[in-house]
PDB file of N, CA and C in Angstrom:
ATOM      1  N   UNK A   1      97.043 121.860 151.322  1.00  0.00           N
ATOM      2  CA  UNK A   1      98.335 121.187 151.425  1.00  0.00           C
ATOM      3  C   UNK A   1      99.165 121.570 150.217  1.00  0.00           C
ATOM      4  N   UNK A   2     100.375 121.976 150.468  1.00  0.00           N
ATOM      5  CA  UNK A   2     101.267 122.357 149.387  1.00  0.00           C
ATOM      6  C   UNK A   2     102.661 121.837 149.713  1.00  0.00           C
ATOM      7  N   UNK A   3     103.317 121.277 148.695  1.00  0.00           N
ATOM      8  CA  UNK A   3     104.687 120.788 148.867  1.00  0.00           C
ATOM      9  C   UNK A   3     105.481 121.141 147.624  1.00  0.00           C
ATOM     10  N   UNK A   4     106.643 121.688 147.823  1.00  0.00           N
ATOM     11  CA  UNK A   4     107.498 122.035 146.694  1.00  0.00           C
ATOM     12  C   UNK A   4     108.174 120.805 146.114  1.00  0.00           C
ATOM     13  N   UNK A   5     108.466 120.869 144.848  1.00  0.00           N
ATOM     14  CA  UNK A   5     109.149 119.787 144.142  1.00  0.00           C
ATOM     15  C   UNK A   5     110.592 119.679 144.631  1.00  0.00           C
ATOM     16  N   UNK A   6     111.065 118.443 144.747  1.00  0.00           N
ATOM     17  CA  UNK A   6     112.478 118.188 145.029  1.00  0.00           C
ATOM     18  C   UNK A   6     113.000 117.274 143.927  1.00  0.00           C
ATOM     19  N   UNK A   7     114.201 116.794 144.103  1.00  0.00           N
ATOM     20  CA  UNK A   7     114.814 115.923 143.092  1.00  0.00           C
ATOM     21  C   UNK A   7     113.987 114.659 142.843  1.00  0.00           C
ATOM     22  N   UNK A   8     113.349 114.133 143.902  1.00  0.00           N
ATOM     23  CA  UNK A   8     112.617 112.881 143.751  1.00  0.00           C
ATOM     24  C   UNK A   8     111.187 112.908 144.303  1.00  0.00           C
ATOM     25  N   UNK A   9     110.684 114.111 144.595  1.00  0.00           N
ATOM     26  CA  UNK A   9     109.309 114.279 145.068  1.00  0.00           C
ATOM     27  C   UNK A   9     108.591 115.316 144.204  1.00  0.00           C
ATOM     28  N   UNK A  10     107.326 115.079 143.912  1.00  0.00           N
ATOM     29  CA  UNK A  10     106.601 116.012 143.053  1.00  0.00           C
ATOM     30  C   UNK A  10     106.150 117.274 143.790  1.00  0.00           C
ATOM     31  N   UNK A  11     105.890 118.309 143.006  1.00  0.00           N
ATOM     32  CA  UNK A  11     105.193 119.484 143.503  1.00  0.00           C
ATOM     33  C   UNK A  11     103.753 119.050 143.749  1.00  0.00           C
ATOM     34  N   UNK A  12     103.218 119.425 144.887  1.00  0.00           N
ATOM     35  CA  UNK A  12     101.840 119.063 145.216  1.00  0.00           C
ATOM     36  C   UNK A  12     101.097 120.312 145.651  1.00  0.00           C
ATOM     37  N   UNK A  13      99.938 120.524 145.056  1.00  0.00           N
ATOM     38  CA  UNK A  13      99.074 121.629 145.447  1.00  0.00           C
ATOM     39  C   UNK A  13      97.656 121.073 145.565  1.00  0.00           C
ATOM     40  N   UNK A  14      97.164 121.006 146.790  1.00  0.00           N
ATOM     41  CA  UNK A  14      95.807 120.552 147.057  1.00  0.00           C
ATOM     42  C   UNK A  14      95.060 121.735 147.658  1.00  0.00           C
ATOM     43  N   UNK A  15      94.050 122.226 146.951  1.00  0.00           N
ATOM     44  CA  UNK A  15      93.378 123.441 147.396  1.00  0.00           C
ATOM     45  C   UNK A  15      91.870 123.249 147.463  1.00  0.00           C
ATOM     46  N   UNK A  16      91.330 123.343 148.663  1.00  0.00           N
ATOM     47  CA  UNK A  16      89.888 123.278 148.849  1.00  0.00           C
ATOM     48  C   UNK A  16      89.221 124.496 148.221  1.00  0.00           C
ATOM     49  N   UNK A  17      89.803 125.683 148.421  1.00  0.00           N
ATOM     50  CA  UNK A  17      89.212 126.917 147.904  1.00  0.00           C
ATOM     51  C   UNK A  17      89.192 126.967 146.375  1.00  0.00           C
ATOM     52  N   UNK A  18      90.244 126.459 145.744  1.00  0.00           N
ATOM     53  CA  UNK A  18      90.311 126.468 144.282  1.00  0.00           C
ATOM     54  C   UNK A  18      89.748 125.196 143.665  1.00  0.00           C
ATOM     55  N   UNK A  19      89.343 124.246 144.509  1.00  0.00           N
ATOM     56  CA  UNK A  19      88.840 122.937 144.046  1.00  0.00           C
ATOM     57  C   UNK A  19      89.856 122.297 143.107  1.00  0.00           C
ATOM     58  N   UNK A  20      91.080 122.181 143.590  1.00  0.00           N
ATOM     59  CA  UNK A  20      92.157 121.748 142.709  1.00  0.00           C
ATOM     60  C   UNK A  20      93.076 120.727 143.377  1.00  0.00           C
ATOM     61  N   UNK A  21      93.461 119.734 142.568  1.00  0.00           N
ATOM     62  CA  UNK A  21      94.498 118.778 142.928  1.00  0.00           C
ATOM     63  C   UNK A  21      95.539 118.851 141.822  1.00  0.00           C
ATOM     64  N   UNK A  22      96.769 119.157 142.190  1.00  0.00           N
ATOM     65  CA  UNK A  22      97.850 119.246 141.211  1.00  0.00           C
ATOM     66  C   UNK A  22      99.061 118.490 141.745  1.00  0.00           C
ATOM     67  N   UNK A  23      99.522 117.533 140.948  1.00  0.00           N
ATOM     68  CA  UNK A  23     100.714 116.763 141.302  1.00  0.00           C
ATOM     69  C   UNK A  23     101.609 116.773 140.066  1.00  0.00           C
ATOM     70  N   UNK A  24     102.841 117.257 140.243  1.00  0.00           N
ATOM     71  CA  UNK A  24     103.704 117.485 139.075  1.00  0.00           C
ATOM     72  C   UNK A  24     105.160 117.199 139.416  1.00  0.00           C
ATOM     73  N   UNK A  25     105.792 116.364 138.590  1.00  0.00           N
ATOM     74  CA  UNK A  25     107.220 116.145 138.746  1.00  0.00           C
ATOM     75  C   UNK A  25     107.571 114.700 139.025  1.00  0.00           C
ATOM     76  N   UNK A  26     108.783 114.480 139.510  1.00  0.00           N
ATOM     77  CA  UNK A  26     109.251 113.121 139.785  1.00  0.00           C
ATOM     78  C   UNK A  26     108.551 112.547 141.018  1.00  0.00           C
ATOM     79  N   UNK A  27     108.371 111.244 141.026  1.00  0.00           N
ATOM     80  CA  UNK A  27     107.667 110.617 142.139  1.00  0.00           C
ATOM     81  C   UNK A  27     108.316 109.273 142.452  1.00  0.00           C
ATOM     82  N   UNK A  28     109.462 109.343 143.139  1.00  0.00           N
ATOM     83  CA  UNK A  28     110.162 108.096 143.429  1.00  0.00           C
ATOM     84  C   UNK A  28     110.972 108.127 144.732  1.00  0.00           C
ATOM     85  N   UNK A  29     110.670 109.018 145.639  1.00  0.00           N
ATOM     86  CA  UNK A  29     111.435 109.088 146.886  1.00  0.00           C
ATOM     87  C   UNK A  29     111.120 107.882 147.773  1.00  0.00           C
ATOM     88  N   UNK A  30     111.990 107.646 148.737  1.00  0.00           N
ATOM     89  CA  UNK A  30     111.812 106.506 149.637  1.00  0.00           C
ATOM     90  C   UNK A  30     110.553 106.630 150.496  1.00  0.00           C
ATOM     91  N   UNK A  31     110.130 107.858 150.778  1.00  0.00           N
ATOM     92  CA  UNK A  31     108.940 108.060 151.609  1.00  0.00           C
ATOM     93  C   UNK A  31     107.711 108.472 150.795  1.00  0.00           C
ATOM     94  N   UNK A  32     107.704 108.143 149.517  1.00  0.00           N
ATOM     95  CA  UNK A  32     106.603 108.572 148.638  1.00  0.00           C
ATOM     96  C   UNK A  32     105.266 107.989 149.085  1.00  0.00           C
ATOM     97  N   UNK A  33     105.286 106.806 149.681  1.00  0.00           N
ATOM     98  CA  UNK A  33     104.044 106.201 150.173  1.00  0.00           C
ATOM     99  C   UNK A  33     103.387 107.093 151.229  1.00  0.00           C
ATOM    100  N   UNK A  34     104.184 107.668 152.106  1.00  0.00           N
ATOM    101  CA  UNK A  34     103.661 108.565 153.142  1.00  0.00           C
ATOM    102  C   UNK A  34     103.063 109.827 152.523  1.00  0.00           C
ATOM    103  N   UNK A  35     103.713 110.329 151.496  1.00  0.00           N
ATOM    104  CA  UNK A  35     103.227 111.535 150.824  1.00  0.00           C
ATOM    105  C   UNK A  35     101.864 111.277 150.188  1.00  0.00           C
ATOM    106  N   UNK A  36     101.746 110.147 149.490  1.00  0.00           N
ATOM    107  CA  UNK A  36     100.460 109.825 148.867  1.00  0.00           C
ATOM    108  C   UNK A  36      99.385 109.522 149.899  1.00  0.00           C
ATOM    109  N   UNK A  37      99.760 108.965 151.040  1.00  0.00           N
ATOM    110  CA  UNK A  37      98.780 108.732 152.112  1.00  0.00           C
ATOM    111  C   UNK A  37      98.182 110.065 152.567  1.00  0.00           C
ATOM    112  N   UNK A  38      99.014 111.103 152.645  1.00  0.00           N
ATOM    113  CA  UNK A  38      98.521 112.441 153.007  1.00  0.00           C
ATOM    114  C   UNK A  38      97.574 112.979 151.944  1.00  0.00           C
ATOM    115  N   UNK A  39      97.917 112.766 150.674  1.00  0.00           N
ATOM    116  CA  UNK A  39      97.064 113.233 149.575  1.00  0.00           C
ATOM    117  C   UNK A  39      95.709 112.530 149.630  1.00  0.00           C
ATOM    118  N   UNK A  40      95.724 111.226 149.787  1.00  0.00           N
ATOM    119  CA  UNK A  40      94.475 110.455 149.824  1.00  0.00           C
ATOM    120  C   UNK A  40      93.619 110.872 151.013  1.00  0.00           C
ATOM    121  N   UNK A  41      94.232 111.065 152.165  1.00  0.00           N
ATOM    122  CA  UNK A  41      93.489 111.527 153.350  1.00  0.00           C
ATOM    123  C   UNK A  41      92.882 112.897 153.088  1.00  0.00           C
ATOM    124  N   UNK A  42      93.648 113.790 152.484  1.00  0.00           N
ATOM    125  CA  UNK A  42      93.137 115.128 152.157  1.00  0.00           C
ATOM    126  C   UNK A  42      91.938 115.011 151.215  1.00  0.00           C
ATOM    127  N   UNK A  43      92.052 114.160 150.212  1.00  0.00           N
ATOM    128  CA  UNK A  43      90.951 113.977 149.260  1.00  0.00           C
ATOM    129  C   UNK A  43      89.692 113.473 149.963  1.00  0.00           C
ATOM    130  N   UNK A  44      89.837 112.476 150.809  1.00  0.00           N
ATOM    131  CA  UNK A  44      88.693 111.913 151.530  1.00  0.00           C
ATOM    132  C   UNK A  44      88.029 112.954 152.422  1.00  0.00           C
ATOM    133  N   UNK A  45      88.835 113.798 153.045  1.00  0.00           N
ATOM    134  CA  UNK A  45      88.316 114.813 153.955  1.00  0.00           C
ATOM    135  C   UNK A  45      87.733 116.029 153.244  1.00  0.00           C
ATOM    136  N   UNK A  46      88.290 116.398 152.090  1.00  0.00           N
ATOM    137  CA  UNK A  46      87.951 117.689 151.496  1.00  0.00           C
ATOM    138  C   UNK A  46      87.094 117.652 150.236  1.00  0.00           C
ATOM    139  N   UNK A  47      87.218 116.640 149.421  1.00  0.00           N
ATOM    140  CA  UNK A  47      86.412 116.620 148.189  1.00  0.00           C
ATOM    141  C   UNK A  47      84.911 116.676 148.487  1.00  0.00           C
ATOM    142  N   UNK A  48      84.413 115.980 149.503  1.00  0.00           N
ATOM    143  CA  UNK A  48      82.974 116.090 149.783  1.00  0.00           C
ATOM    144  C   UNK A  48      82.520 117.507 150.146  1.00  0.00           C
ATOM    145  N   UNK A  49      83.433 118.349 150.624  1.00  0.00           N
ATOM    146  CA  UNK A  49      83.099 119.718 151.014  1.00  0.00           C
ATOM    147  C   UNK A  49      83.090 120.684 149.831  1.00  0.00           C
ATOM    148  N   UNK A  50      83.666 120.273 148.702  1.00  0.00           N
ATOM    149  CA  UNK A  50      83.807 121.179 147.563  1.00  0.00           C
ATOM    150  C   UNK A  50      82.467 121.434 146.894  1.00  0.00           C
ATOM    151  N   UNK A  51      82.223 122.712 146.634  1.00  0.00           N
ATOM    152  CA  UNK A  51      80.977 123.112 145.974  1.00  0.00           C
ATOM    153  C   UNK A  51      81.173 123.339 144.475  1.00  0.00           C
ATOM    154  N   UNK A  52      82.415 123.427 144.034  1.00  0.00           N
ATOM    155  CA  UNK A  52      82.684 123.689 142.623  1.00  0.00           C
ATOM    156  C   UNK A  52      83.277 122.451 141.946  1.00  0.00           C
ATOM    157  N   UNK A  53      83.417 122.529 140.633  1.00  0.00           N
ATOM    158  CA  UNK A  53      83.996 121.434 139.867  1.00  0.00           C
ATOM    159  C   UNK A  53      85.445 121.206 140.298  1.00  0.00           C
ATOM    160  N   UNK A  54      85.804 119.953 140.509  1.00  0.00           N
ATOM    161  CA  UNK A  54      87.159 119.595 140.907  1.00  0.00           C
ATOM    162  C   UNK A  54      88.061 119.582 139.676  1.00  0.00           C
ATOM    163  N   UNK A  55      89.190 120.264 139.768  1.00  0.00           N
ATOM    164  CA  UNK A  55      90.184 120.282 138.700  1.00  0.00           C
ATOM    165  C   UNK A  55      91.371 119.448 139.166  1.00  0.00           C
ATOM    166  N   UNK A  56      91.715 118.410 138.392  1.00  0.00           N
ATOM    167  CA  UNK A  56      92.849 117.545 138.733  1.00  0.00           C
ATOM    168  C   UNK A  56      93.868 117.619 137.609  1.00  0.00           C
ATOM    169  N   UNK A  57      95.087 117.964 137.939  1.00  0.00           N
ATOM    170  CA  UNK A  57      96.163 118.041 136.953  1.00  0.00           C
ATOM    171  C   UNK A  57      97.326 117.170 137.414  1.00  0.00           C
ATOM    172  N   UNK A  58      97.747 116.284 136.521  1.00  0.00           N
ATOM    173  CA  UNK A  58      98.848 115.366 136.803  1.00  0.00           C
ATOM    174  C   UNK A  58      99.907 115.516 135.722  1.00  0.00           C
ATOM    175  N   UNK A  59     101.144 115.628 136.134  1.00  0.00           N
ATOM    176  CA  UNK A  59     102.248 115.721 135.177  1.00  0.00           C
ATOM    177  C   UNK A  59     103.463 115.036 135.802  1.00  0.00           C
ATOM    178  N   UNK A  60     103.706 113.820 135.359  1.00  0.00           N
ATOM    179  CA  UNK A  60     104.813 113.038 135.904  1.00  0.00           C
ATOM    180  C   UNK A  60     105.880 112.826 134.842  1.00  0.00           C
ATOM    181  N   UNK A  61     107.120 112.737 135.299  1.00  0.00           N
ATOM    182  CA  UNK A  61     108.191 112.369 134.375  1.00  0.00           C
ATOM    183  C   UNK A  61     108.892 111.094 134.813  1.00  0.00           C
ATOM    184  N   UNK A  62     108.844 110.779 136.106  1.00  0.00           N
ATOM    185  CA  UNK A  62     109.413 109.534 136.624  1.00  0.00           C
ATOM    186  C   UNK A  62     108.501 109.044 137.744  1.00  0.00           C
ATOM    187  N   UNK A  63     108.128 107.759 137.675  1.00  0.00           N
ATOM    188  CA  UNK A  63     107.293 107.151 138.708  1.00  0.00           C
ATOM    189  C   UNK A  63     107.882 105.805 139.117  1.00  0.00           C
ATOM    190  N   UNK A  64     107.884 105.523 140.413  1.00  0.00           N
ATOM    191  CA  UNK A  64     108.278 104.182 140.832  1.00  0.00           C
ATOM    192  C   UNK A  64     107.024 103.336 141.051  1.00  0.00           C
ATOM    193  N   UNK A  65     107.212 102.070 141.370  1.00  0.00           N
ATOM    194  CA  UNK A  65     106.064 101.171 141.508  1.00  0.00           C
ATOM    195  C   UNK A  65     105.150 101.577 142.666  1.00  0.00           C
ATOM    196  N   UNK A  66     105.707 102.138 143.722  1.00  0.00           N
ATOM    197  CA  UNK A  66     104.880 102.595 144.841  1.00  0.00           C
ATOM    198  C   UNK A  66     104.002 103.767 144.405  1.00  0.00           C
ATOM    199  N   UNK A  67     104.547 104.642 143.575  1.00  0.00           N
ATOM    200  CA  UNK A  67     103.756 105.756 143.053  1.00  0.00           C
ATOM    201  C   UNK A  67     102.626 105.245 142.166  1.00  0.00           C
ATOM    202  N   UNK A  68     102.913 104.239 141.344  1.00  0.00           N
ATOM    203  CA  UNK A  68     101.874 103.635 140.500  1.00  0.00           C
ATOM    204  C   UNK A  68     100.726 103.131 141.362  1.00  0.00           C
ATOM    205  N   UNK A  69     101.063 102.394 142.407  1.00  0.00           N
ATOM    206  CA  UNK A  69     100.046 101.832 143.312  1.00  0.00           C
ATOM    207  C   UNK A  69      99.200 102.947 143.925  1.00  0.00           C
ATOM    208  N   UNK A  70      99.857 104.006 144.357  1.00  0.00           N
ATOM    209  CA  UNK A  70      99.130 105.110 144.976  1.00  0.00           C
ATOM    210  C   UNK A  70      98.287 105.879 143.973  1.00  0.00           C
ATOM    211  N   UNK A  71      98.758 106.005 142.758  1.00  0.00           N
ATOM    212  CA  UNK A  71      97.939 106.655 141.730  1.00  0.00           C
ATOM    213  C   UNK A  71      96.670 105.862 141.467  1.00  0.00           C
ATOM    214  N   UNK A  72      96.775 104.557 141.479  1.00  0.00           N
ATOM    215  CA  UNK A  72      95.580 103.727 141.310  1.00  0.00           C
ATOM    216  C   UNK A  72      94.589 103.984 142.442  1.00  0.00           C
ATOM    217  N   UNK A  73      95.076 104.172 143.647  1.00  0.00           N
ATOM    218  CA  UNK A  73      94.195 104.490 144.774  1.00  0.00           C
ATOM    219  C   UNK A  73      93.553 105.867 144.590  1.00  0.00           C
ATOM    220  N   UNK A  74      94.334 106.827 144.126  1.00  0.00           N
ATOM    221  CA  UNK A  74      93.807 108.172 143.890  1.00  0.00           C
ATOM    222  C   UNK A  74      92.711 108.131 142.834  1.00  0.00           C
ATOM    223  N   UNK A  75      92.964 107.429 141.742  1.00  0.00           N
ATOM    224  CA  UNK A  75      91.963 107.385 140.678  1.00  0.00           C
ATOM    225  C   UNK A  75      90.748 106.546 141.066  1.00  0.00           C
ATOM    226  N   UNK A  76      90.934 105.560 141.903  1.00  0.00           N
ATOM    227  CA  UNK A  76      89.795 104.802 142.423  1.00  0.00           C
ATOM    228  C   UNK A  76      88.907 105.728 143.249  1.00  0.00           C
ATOM    229  N   UNK A  77      89.519 106.556 144.059  1.00  0.00           N
ATOM    230  CA  UNK A  77      88.784 107.518 144.869  1.00  0.00           C
ATOM    231  C   UNK A  77      88.081 108.550 143.990  1.00  0.00           C
ATOM    232  N   UNK A  78      88.783 109.050 142.978  1.00  0.00           N
ATOM    233  CA  UNK A  78      88.153 109.995 142.051  1.00  0.00           C
ATOM    234  C   UNK A  78      86.957 109.356 141.352  1.00  0.00           C
ATOM    235  N   UNK A  79      87.092 108.094 140.979  1.00  0.00           N
ATOM    236  CA  UNK A  79      86.001 107.374 140.333  1.00  0.00           C
ATOM    237  C   UNK A  79      84.791 107.271 141.265  1.00  0.00           C
ATOM    238  N   UNK A  80      85.040 106.972 142.537  1.00  0.00           N
ATOM    239  CA  UNK A  80      83.955 106.898 143.518  1.00  0.00           C
ATOM    240  C   UNK A  80      83.224 108.232 143.627  1.00  0.00           C
ATOM    241  N   UNK A  81      83.984 109.327 143.719  1.00  0.00           N
ATOM    242  CA  UNK A  81      83.362 110.647 143.812  1.00  0.00           C
ATOM    243  C   UNK A  81      82.596 110.985 142.537  1.00  0.00           C
ATOM    244  N   UNK A  82      83.143 110.604 141.395  1.00  0.00           N
ATOM    245  CA  UNK A  82      82.469 110.847 140.115  1.00  0.00           C
ATOM    246  C   UNK A  82      81.132 110.099 140.055  1.00  0.00           C
ATOM    247  N   UNK A  83      81.139 108.855 140.503  1.00  0.00           N
ATOM    248  CA  UNK A  83      79.908 108.049 140.509  1.00  0.00           C
ATOM    249  C   UNK A  83      78.850 108.636 141.443  1.00  0.00           C
ATOM    250  N   UNK A  84      79.289 109.368 142.459  1.00  0.00           N
ATOM    251  CA  UNK A  84      78.364 110.010 143.392  1.00  0.00           C
ATOM    252  C   UNK A  84      77.907 111.376 142.895  1.00  0.00           C
ATOM    253  N   UNK A  85      78.347 111.748 141.679  1.00  0.00           N
ATOM    254  CA  UNK A  85      77.884 112.989 141.075  1.00  0.00           C
ATOM    255  C   UNK A  85      78.846 114.160 141.136  1.00  0.00           C
ATOM    256  N   UNK A  86      80.031 113.966 141.701  1.00  0.00           N
ATOM    257  CA  UNK A  86      81.007 115.063 141.764  1.00  0.00           C
ATOM    258  C   UNK A  86      81.506 115.367 140.367  1.00  0.00           C
ATOM    259  N   UNK A  87      81.374 116.621 139.961  1.00  0.00           N
ATOM    260  CA  UNK A  87      81.881 117.035 138.654  1.00  0.00           C
ATOM    261  C   UNK A  87      83.372 117.274 138.760  1.00  0.00           C
ATOM    262  N   UNK A  88      84.086 116.792 137.744  1.00  0.00           N
ATOM    263  CA  UNK A  88      85.535 116.969 137.766  1.00  0.00           C
ATOM    264  C   UNK A  88      86.085 117.046 136.353  1.00  0.00           C
ATOM    265  N   UNK A  89      87.201 117.720 136.268  1.00  0.00           N
ATOM    266  CA  UNK A  89      87.961 117.831 135.021  1.00  0.00           C
ATOM    267  C   UNK A  89      89.355 117.304 135.337  1.00  0.00           C
ATOM    268  N   UNK A  90      89.778 116.287 134.591  1.00  0.00           N
ATOM    269  CA  UNK A  90      91.090 115.678 134.825  1.00  0.00           C
ATOM    270  C   UNK A  90      91.960 115.902 133.600  1.00  0.00           C
ATOM    271  N   UNK A  91      93.149 116.434 133.835  1.00  0.00           N
ATOM    272  CA  UNK A  91      94.108 116.670 132.748  1.00  0.00           C
ATOM    273  C   UNK A  91      95.409 115.951 133.114  1.00  0.00           C
ATOM    274  N   UNK A  92      95.897 115.153 132.179  1.00  0.00           N
ATOM    275  CA  UNK A  92      97.129 114.376 132.358  1.00  0.00           C
ATOM    276  C   UNK A  92      98.132 114.920 131.352  1.00  0.00           C
ATOM    277  N   UNK A  93      99.174 115.549 131.836  1.00  0.00           N
ATOM    278  CA  UNK A  93     100.225 116.087 130.975  1.00  0.00           C
ATOM    279  C   UNK A  93     101.343 115.063 130.833  1.00  0.00           C
ATOM    280  N   UNK A  94     101.883 114.940 129.629  1.00  0.00           N
ATOM    281  CA  UNK A  94     102.968 113.990 129.407  1.00  0.00           C
ATOM    282  C   UNK A  94     103.855 114.468 128.268  1.00  0.00           C
ATOM    283  N   UNK A  95     105.114 114.157 128.386  1.00  0.00           N
ATOM    284  CA  UNK A  95     106.035 114.406 127.292  1.00  0.00           C
ATOM    285  C   UNK A  95     105.615 113.520 126.124  1.00  0.00           C
ATOM    286  N   UNK A  96     105.548 114.083 124.942  1.00  0.00           N
ATOM    287  CA  UNK A  96     105.059 113.317 123.787  1.00  0.00           C
ATOM    288  C   UNK A  96     105.925 112.096 123.475  1.00  0.00           C
ATOM    289  N   UNK A  97     107.149 112.064 123.965  1.00  0.00           N
ATOM    290  CA  UNK A  97     108.044 110.935 123.725  1.00  0.00           C
ATOM    291  C   UNK A  97     108.070 109.932 124.884  1.00  0.00           C
ATOM    292  N   UNK A  98     107.304 110.188 125.923  1.00  0.00           N
ATOM    293  CA  UNK A  98     107.300 109.313 127.095  1.00  0.00           C
ATOM    294  C   UNK A  98     106.155 108.305 126.980  1.00  0.00           C
ATOM    295  N   UNK A  99     106.443 107.209 126.297  1.00  0.00           N
ATOM    296  CA  UNK A  99     105.413 106.201 126.029  1.00  0.00           C
ATOM    297  C   UNK A  99     104.861 105.580 127.307  1.00  0.00           C
ATOM    298  N   UNK A 100     105.697 105.396 128.315  1.00  0.00           N
ATOM    299  CA  UNK A 100     105.234 104.785 129.567  1.00  0.00           C
ATOM    300  C   UNK A 100     104.185 105.647 130.266  1.00  0.00           C
ATOM    301  N   UNK A 101     104.439 106.932 130.364  1.00  0.00           N
ATOM    302  CA  UNK A 101     103.503 107.834 131.042  1.00  0.00           C
ATOM    303  C   UNK A 101     102.223 107.985 130.225  1.00  0.00           C
ATOM    304  N   UNK A 102     102.349 108.033 128.899  1.00  0.00           N
ATOM    305  CA  UNK A 102     101.163 108.114 128.044  1.00  0.00           C
ATOM    306  C   UNK A 102     100.325 106.839 128.142  1.00  0.00           C
ATOM    307  N   UNK A 103     100.980 105.707 128.171  1.00  0.00           N
ATOM    308  CA  UNK A 103     100.268 104.435 128.283  1.00  0.00           C
ATOM    309  C   UNK A 103      99.589 104.317 129.651  1.00  0.00           C
ATOM    310  N   UNK A 104     100.244 104.808 130.682  1.00  0.00           N
ATOM    311  CA  UNK A 104      99.645 104.788 132.013  1.00  0.00           C
ATOM    312  C   UNK A 104      98.351 105.602 132.027  1.00  0.00           C
ATOM    313  N   UNK A 105      98.344 106.733 131.367  1.00  0.00           N
ATOM    314  CA  UNK A 105      97.131 107.555 131.285  1.00  0.00           C
ATOM    315  C   UNK A 105      95.997 106.777 130.621  1.00  0.00           C
ATOM    316  N   UNK A 106      96.288 106.116 129.520  1.00  0.00           N
ATOM    317  CA  UNK A 106      95.270 105.316 128.835  1.00  0.00           C
ATOM    318  C   UNK A 106      94.753 104.202 129.724  1.00  0.00           C
ATOM    319  N   UNK A 107      95.664 103.514 130.389  1.00  0.00           N
ATOM    320  CA  UNK A 107      95.285 102.402 131.256  1.00  0.00           C
ATOM    321  C   UNK A 107      94.379 102.869 132.398  1.00  0.00           C
ATOM    322  N   UNK A 108      94.742 103.971 133.022  1.00  0.00           N
ATOM    323  CA  UNK A 108      93.959 104.487 134.148  1.00  0.00           C
ATOM    324  C   UNK A 108      92.582 104.931 133.674  1.00  0.00           C
ATOM    325  N   UNK A 109      92.536 105.598 132.545  1.00  0.00           N
ATOM    326  CA  UNK A 109      91.259 106.064 132.001  1.00  0.00           C
ATOM    327  C   UNK A 109      90.313 104.888 131.763  1.00  0.00           C
ATOM    328  N   UNK A 110      90.829 103.828 131.174  1.00  0.00           N
ATOM    329  CA  UNK A 110      90.002 102.652 130.884  1.00  0.00           C
ATOM    330  C   UNK A 110      89.641 101.893 132.159  1.00  0.00           C
ATOM    331  N   UNK A 111      90.590 101.722 133.050  1.00  0.00           N
ATOM    332  CA  UNK A 111      90.373 100.947 134.264  1.00  0.00           C
ATOM    333  C   UNK A 111      89.293 101.552 135.152  1.00  0.00           C
ATOM    334  N   UNK A 112      89.285 102.876 135.265  1.00  0.00           N
ATOM    335  CA  UNK A 112      88.351 103.531 136.170  1.00  0.00           C
ATOM    336  C   UNK A 112      87.199 104.223 135.462  1.00  0.00           C
ATOM    337  N   UNK A 113      87.107 104.059 134.152  1.00  0.00           N
ATOM    338  CA  UNK A 113      86.035 104.661 133.370  1.00  0.00           C
ATOM    339  C   UNK A 113      85.906 106.160 133.661  1.00  0.00           C
ATOM    340  N   UNK A 114      87.043 106.818 133.698  1.00  0.00           N
ATOM    341  CA  UNK A 114      87.088 108.262 133.904  1.00  0.00           C
ATOM    342  C   UNK A 114      87.511 108.933 132.611  1.00  0.00           C
ATOM    343  N   UNK A 115      86.826 109.989 132.270  1.00  0.00           N
ATOM    344  CA  UNK A 115      87.195 110.750 131.088  1.00  0.00           C
ATOM    345  C   UNK A 115      88.198 111.812 131.499  1.00  0.00           C
ATOM    346  N   UNK A 116      89.326 111.830 130.795  1.00  0.00           N
ATOM    347  CA  UNK A 116      90.232 112.940 131.026  1.00  0.00           C
ATOM    348  C   UNK A 116      91.029 113.250 129.772  1.00  0.00           C
ATOM    349  N   UNK A 117      91.522 114.458 129.775  1.00  0.00           N
ATOM    350  CA  UNK A 117      92.251 114.962 128.619  1.00  0.00           C
ATOM    351  C   UNK A 117      93.737 114.669 128.822  1.00  0.00           C
ATOM    352  N   UNK A 118      94.357 114.123 127.786  1.00  0.00           N
ATOM    353  CA  UNK A 118      95.796 113.915 127.805  1.00  0.00           C
ATOM    354  C   UNK A 118      96.414 114.999 126.942  1.00  0.00           C
ATOM    355  N   UNK A 119      97.329 115.760 127.517  1.00  0.00           N
ATOM    356  CA  UNK A 119      98.001 116.851 126.811  1.00  0.00           C
ATOM    357  C   UNK A 119      99.454 116.444 126.619  1.00  0.00           C
ATOM    358  N   UNK A 120      99.854 116.267 125.378  1.00  0.00           N
ATOM    359  CA  UNK A 120     101.246 115.905 125.079  1.00  0.00           C
ATOM    360  C   UNK A 120     102.035 117.179 124.852  1.00  0.00           C
ATOM    361  N   UNK A 121     103.189 117.236 125.500  1.00  0.00           N
ATOM    362  CA  UNK A 121     104.062 118.425 125.375  1.00  0.00           C
ATOM    363  C   UNK A 121     105.264 118.103 124.538  1.00  0.00           C
TER     364      UNK A 121
END
């Protein structure tokens, strides 16, 4: 699944072959809930099939409350797969001056007991 970035929707690259989940950009469109539902369905269907380490990259600059809710679902799912032994590398990119996005990374890491690298730009 691949979707190009728009003014209010993130770039999305979900690749079974590359074992990669990449979500980057703004996340506040009116139909963002539908977009995340597709991502979650893809994860449920494809992560169990992956034979290699899962690479997850997140880089947000604007998130609405619906996006926050969906990110919690995504990380809950990642946590479940991690507990079942799925190896993964999670990288959270954030502008060094964006305290909200940096704090969200810390909160998610603690809430789901997932280790990930935060890269400040």
